[in-house]
Every structure is written in C-alpha cells, then in structure tokens.
Protein backbone atom coordinates (compact mmCIF):
# COMPACT_ATOMS: atom_id res chain seq x y z
CA MET A 1 -156.15 2.95 -165.45
CA LEU A 2 -154.50 4.18 -162.27
CA GLU A 3 -150.78 3.59 -161.87
CA SER A 4 -149.35 1.03 -159.46
CA LEU A 5 -147.00 2.03 -156.66
CA ALA A 6 -143.96 0.98 -158.73
CA GLU A 7 -145.15 3.02 -161.74
CA VAL A 8 -145.81 6.10 -159.60
CA LEU A 9 -142.32 5.87 -158.08
CA ASP A 10 -140.69 5.31 -161.48
CA ARG A 11 -142.14 8.61 -162.75
CA TYR A 12 -141.34 10.61 -159.60
CA LYS A 13 -138.30 12.86 -159.09
CA PRO A 14 -137.45 13.57 -155.42
CA ARG A 15 -136.59 17.22 -154.71
CA THR A 16 -134.32 16.83 -151.67
CA ASP A 17 -131.81 14.35 -150.30
CA THR A 18 -134.21 13.48 -147.47
CA GLU A 19 -136.97 12.79 -149.96
CA ALA A 20 -134.64 10.68 -152.13
CA THR A 21 -133.86 8.57 -149.04
CA ASP A 22 -137.59 8.24 -148.30
CA VAL A 23 -138.32 7.17 -151.89
CA ALA A 24 -135.53 4.56 -151.67
CA ARG A 25 -137.12 3.21 -148.48
CA VAL A 26 -140.47 2.93 -150.27
CA ARG A 27 -138.84 1.12 -153.20
CA ASP A 28 -137.38 -1.39 -150.72
CA LEU A 29 -140.94 -2.20 -149.64
CA LEU A 30 -141.80 -3.38 -153.16
CA ALA A 31 -140.09 -6.71 -152.40
CA GLY A 32 -143.09 -7.61 -150.20
CA ASP A 33 -146.52 -6.11 -149.56
CA PRO A 34 -145.79 -2.37 -149.21
CA TRP A 35 -149.31 -1.69 -147.90
CA SER A 36 -149.20 -4.28 -145.09
CA ARG A 37 -149.91 -2.74 -141.70
CA ALA A 38 -148.05 -5.67 -140.14
CA THR A 39 -144.70 -4.08 -141.01
CA PRO A 40 -143.16 -1.19 -139.04
CA LEU A 41 -142.94 0.86 -142.26
CA HIS A 42 -145.80 0.69 -144.75
CA VAL A 43 -147.23 2.81 -147.54
CA THR A 44 -150.11 5.23 -147.11
CA ALA A 45 -151.55 7.69 -149.61
CA SER A 46 -152.90 11.14 -148.91
CA ALA A 47 -153.92 14.36 -150.56
CA VAL A 48 -154.20 18.05 -150.03
CA ILE A 49 -157.66 18.94 -151.27
CA VAL A 50 -157.89 22.34 -152.95
CA HIS A 51 -160.50 24.65 -154.37
CA PRO A 52 -158.54 26.23 -157.24
CA PRO A 53 -160.76 29.32 -157.83
CA THR A 54 -160.18 30.50 -154.24
CA ARG A 55 -156.68 29.01 -153.85
CA ARG A 56 -157.74 27.39 -150.57
CA ALA A 57 -156.71 24.05 -149.11
CA LEU A 58 -158.64 21.76 -146.78
CA LEU A 59 -157.04 20.45 -143.59
CA ARG A 60 -158.48 17.83 -141.23
CA TRP A 61 -157.99 17.58 -137.47
CA HIS A 62 -156.43 14.21 -136.57
CA ALA A 63 -157.08 13.57 -132.89
CA ARG A 64 -154.54 10.73 -132.59
CA GLN A 65 -151.74 12.91 -133.95
CA GLN A 66 -153.14 16.05 -132.30
CA ALA A 67 -152.47 17.95 -135.51
CA TRP A 68 -154.06 19.52 -138.58
CA LEU A 69 -153.11 17.28 -141.50
CA GLN A 70 -154.10 16.41 -145.04
CA VAL A 71 -156.67 13.67 -145.69
CA GLY A 72 -155.49 10.16 -146.40
CA GLY A 73 -154.62 6.81 -144.97
CA HIS A 74 -154.07 3.12 -145.48
CA GLY A 75 -154.93 1.10 -148.55
CA ASP A 76 -157.82 -1.32 -148.22
CA PRO A 77 -157.22 -5.00 -149.04
CA GLY A 78 -156.62 -5.35 -152.78
CA GLU A 79 -155.86 -1.67 -153.38
CA THR A 80 -152.52 -1.14 -155.13
CA ALA A 81 -152.83 2.27 -156.81
CA PRO A 82 -151.76 5.12 -154.50
CA LEU A 83 -153.97 7.70 -156.24
CA ALA A 84 -157.02 5.44 -155.83
CA VAL A 85 -156.30 5.22 -152.09
CA ALA A 86 -155.95 9.00 -151.82
CA LEU A 87 -159.21 9.54 -153.72
CA ARG A 88 -161.14 7.03 -151.60
CA GLU A 89 -159.75 8.42 -148.35
CA GLY A 90 -160.51 11.97 -149.48
CA ARG A 91 -164.13 11.09 -150.21
CA GLU A 92 -164.54 9.18 -146.94
CA GLU A 93 -162.99 11.88 -144.77
CA THR A 94 -164.72 14.89 -146.36
CA GLY A 95 -167.91 13.66 -148.00
CA LEU A 96 -166.80 15.36 -151.22
CA ASP A 97 -167.86 13.17 -154.14
CA ASP A 98 -166.46 15.34 -156.94
CA LEU A 99 -162.74 15.01 -156.12
CA VAL A 100 -160.38 14.85 -159.09
CA PRO A 101 -156.58 14.91 -159.38
CA TRP A 102 -155.33 18.48 -159.82
CA PRO A 103 -153.78 19.86 -161.93
CA ASP A 104 -152.97 16.29 -162.97
CA ALA A 105 -152.48 12.88 -161.37
CA GLN A 106 -148.82 13.39 -160.47
CA LEU A 107 -147.37 12.62 -157.08
CA VAL A 108 -146.23 15.86 -155.37
CA HIS A 109 -144.33 14.63 -152.30
CA VAL A 110 -143.08 11.48 -150.58
CA ALA A 111 -142.50 11.66 -146.83
CA VAL A 112 -141.75 8.96 -144.28
CA VAL A 113 -143.48 10.03 -141.07
CA SER A 114 -143.52 8.64 -137.54
CA VAL A 115 -146.85 7.55 -136.09
CA THR A 116 -147.41 7.52 -132.36
CA PRO A 117 -148.55 4.29 -130.70
CA SER A 118 -152.20 3.70 -129.88
CA ALA A 119 -154.06 1.17 -127.78
CA THR A 120 -154.13 -1.19 -130.78
CA GLU A 121 -150.88 -0.37 -132.65
CA PRO A 122 -147.26 0.13 -131.68
CA ALA A 123 -145.32 3.15 -132.92
CA HIS A 124 -144.55 2.76 -136.61
CA GLU A 125 -143.86 4.76 -139.78
CA HIS A 126 -145.93 5.67 -142.81
CA ALA A 127 -144.30 6.06 -146.20
CA ASP A 128 -146.84 8.64 -147.32
CA LEU A 129 -147.38 9.35 -151.03
CA ARG A 130 -149.04 12.73 -151.42
CA PHE A 131 -151.25 14.01 -154.23
CA VAL A 132 -153.40 17.09 -154.86
CA LEU A 133 -157.15 16.72 -155.40
CA ALA A 134 -159.62 19.43 -156.32
CA THR A 135 -163.29 20.02 -155.67
CA ASP A 136 -165.77 22.39 -157.29
CA SER A 137 -168.01 22.32 -154.21
CA PRO A 138 -166.01 23.22 -151.09
CA GLU A 139 -169.20 24.04 -149.20
CA ALA A 140 -170.18 20.35 -149.39
CA ALA A 141 -167.27 19.21 -147.21
CA ARG A 142 -168.44 17.42 -144.07
CA PRO A 143 -166.36 15.74 -141.34
CA GLU A 144 -166.60 11.96 -141.39
CA LYS A 145 -167.11 11.86 -137.60
CA PRO A 146 -167.26 14.17 -134.60
CA GLY A 147 -163.83 15.52 -133.70
CA ALA A 148 -162.51 15.23 -137.27
CA ASP A 149 -163.06 18.91 -138.01
CA LEU A 150 -162.33 20.32 -141.46
CA ARG A 151 -161.03 23.80 -142.28
CA TRP A 152 -160.68 25.61 -145.59
CA LEU A 153 -157.62 27.85 -145.45
CA SER A 154 -155.38 29.90 -147.69
CA ILE A 155 -152.01 28.19 -148.22
CA PRO A 156 -150.22 30.60 -145.82
CA GLU A 157 -152.92 29.97 -143.18
CA ALA A 158 -152.65 26.21 -143.72
CA GLN A 159 -148.86 26.35 -143.37
CA LYS A 160 -149.20 28.14 -140.03
CA LEU A 161 -151.75 25.62 -138.76
CA ALA A 162 -150.19 22.47 -140.23
CA GLY A 163 -148.77 19.90 -137.85
CA PRO A 164 -145.40 18.62 -139.08
CA ASP A 165 -142.75 20.38 -141.18
CA ASN A 166 -143.17 17.78 -143.94
CA LEU A 167 -146.77 18.93 -144.44
CA ARG A 168 -145.61 22.54 -144.69
CA GLU A 169 -143.28 21.36 -147.49
CA THR A 170 -146.20 19.63 -149.22
CA LEU A 171 -148.24 22.83 -148.95
CA THR A 172 -145.36 24.83 -150.44
CA ARG A 173 -145.41 22.49 -153.42
CA VAL A 174 -149.19 22.83 -153.72
CA ASP A 175 -148.83 26.63 -153.67
CA GLU A 176 -146.32 26.40 -156.55
CA LEU A 177 -148.99 24.62 -158.62
CA PHE A 178 -151.30 27.63 -158.31
CA VAL A 179 -148.77 29.95 -159.93
CA THR A 180 -147.72 27.73 -162.83
C-alpha cells in the first residue's frame, strides 16, 4: 500500500533550513485538504524519470512556466498518496507504462514553488513532493500533447537546461543516487 502524505512526511528528513521550512508549511496543510486547488498553497507530486543504465534523466517542456521541468502535477479527486500521484502523472505526461520508484519509494525533495497566474487561475504556490521513477524503455517516451516536448539528458545537461534552482537541487540529489 502506498503511504499517505502524513506518512511520507513523517519518514522524510529535510536537508536544508529552506526545505525544513517548506516541509513545515506542508505539515500545516494537513489540517485541511492539502491537495485542494482552492487554497493558495496546495500539494503536488512530481518525479524525475531516469534510465539507470545510461544515467539519463527525462525533462518535459512546460509552456506555462516556460521552463524544462520534471513531470508531475495535482492529485485527482480521492488521491491521497503522493507517490501514486507522481506515478500517474509520469505515465500521463510521457506515455511510459513501466515506471517504478527508483531506487526505492522514498521522497527525495520537498520544494514550495511559485506558479504564475493563468487565464483560469491566480498566482499560487505548489508544495511539491518529488520522487525518482525509472523506466527500462526510454525510447517509448512520448509527449502527452504538442508543445510538451521531452528530452533525455545526462544529469549535468539536465542541470544546465533545468528551469528553477530548486530543480537543479533535485537533480543533484538524483545524481547522488547513481553513485551510491
């Protein structure tokens, strides 16, 4: 059974003061519906998808953010397990149906990130819980729609291309998993 948000947070150890503050903000959301898009800060779940034999990571172009980012997004109604959200979003955004947690199901990073307004949503924040997923068939990756390009990159290449600094930190943590 996949762990709930509270269980995932209970097992997680933040690495920096900023991340500890972000985790505390996520914990505060547990008093209500942490996944509700009606609140200015809500939980999302994402993943860096990797192909371990080649030590490559997959990034996706996000037109709204105008940046190369990891896959992921909002929980659907009734979803409460962050890893399940990351897995579903990964499958939807890449077409990869063999995704599995790698090297295990542990959370690798928590980051509160600002989201720019759109025609349908005001500016808000995502409390993003980040995992690592692996595929054995990188060649099967397909964008979910036109303009949502996908790129397989080495970790250094991904860090150069990545949008925000917090994603570069996530990629650093992913790179550490390859050497352990």
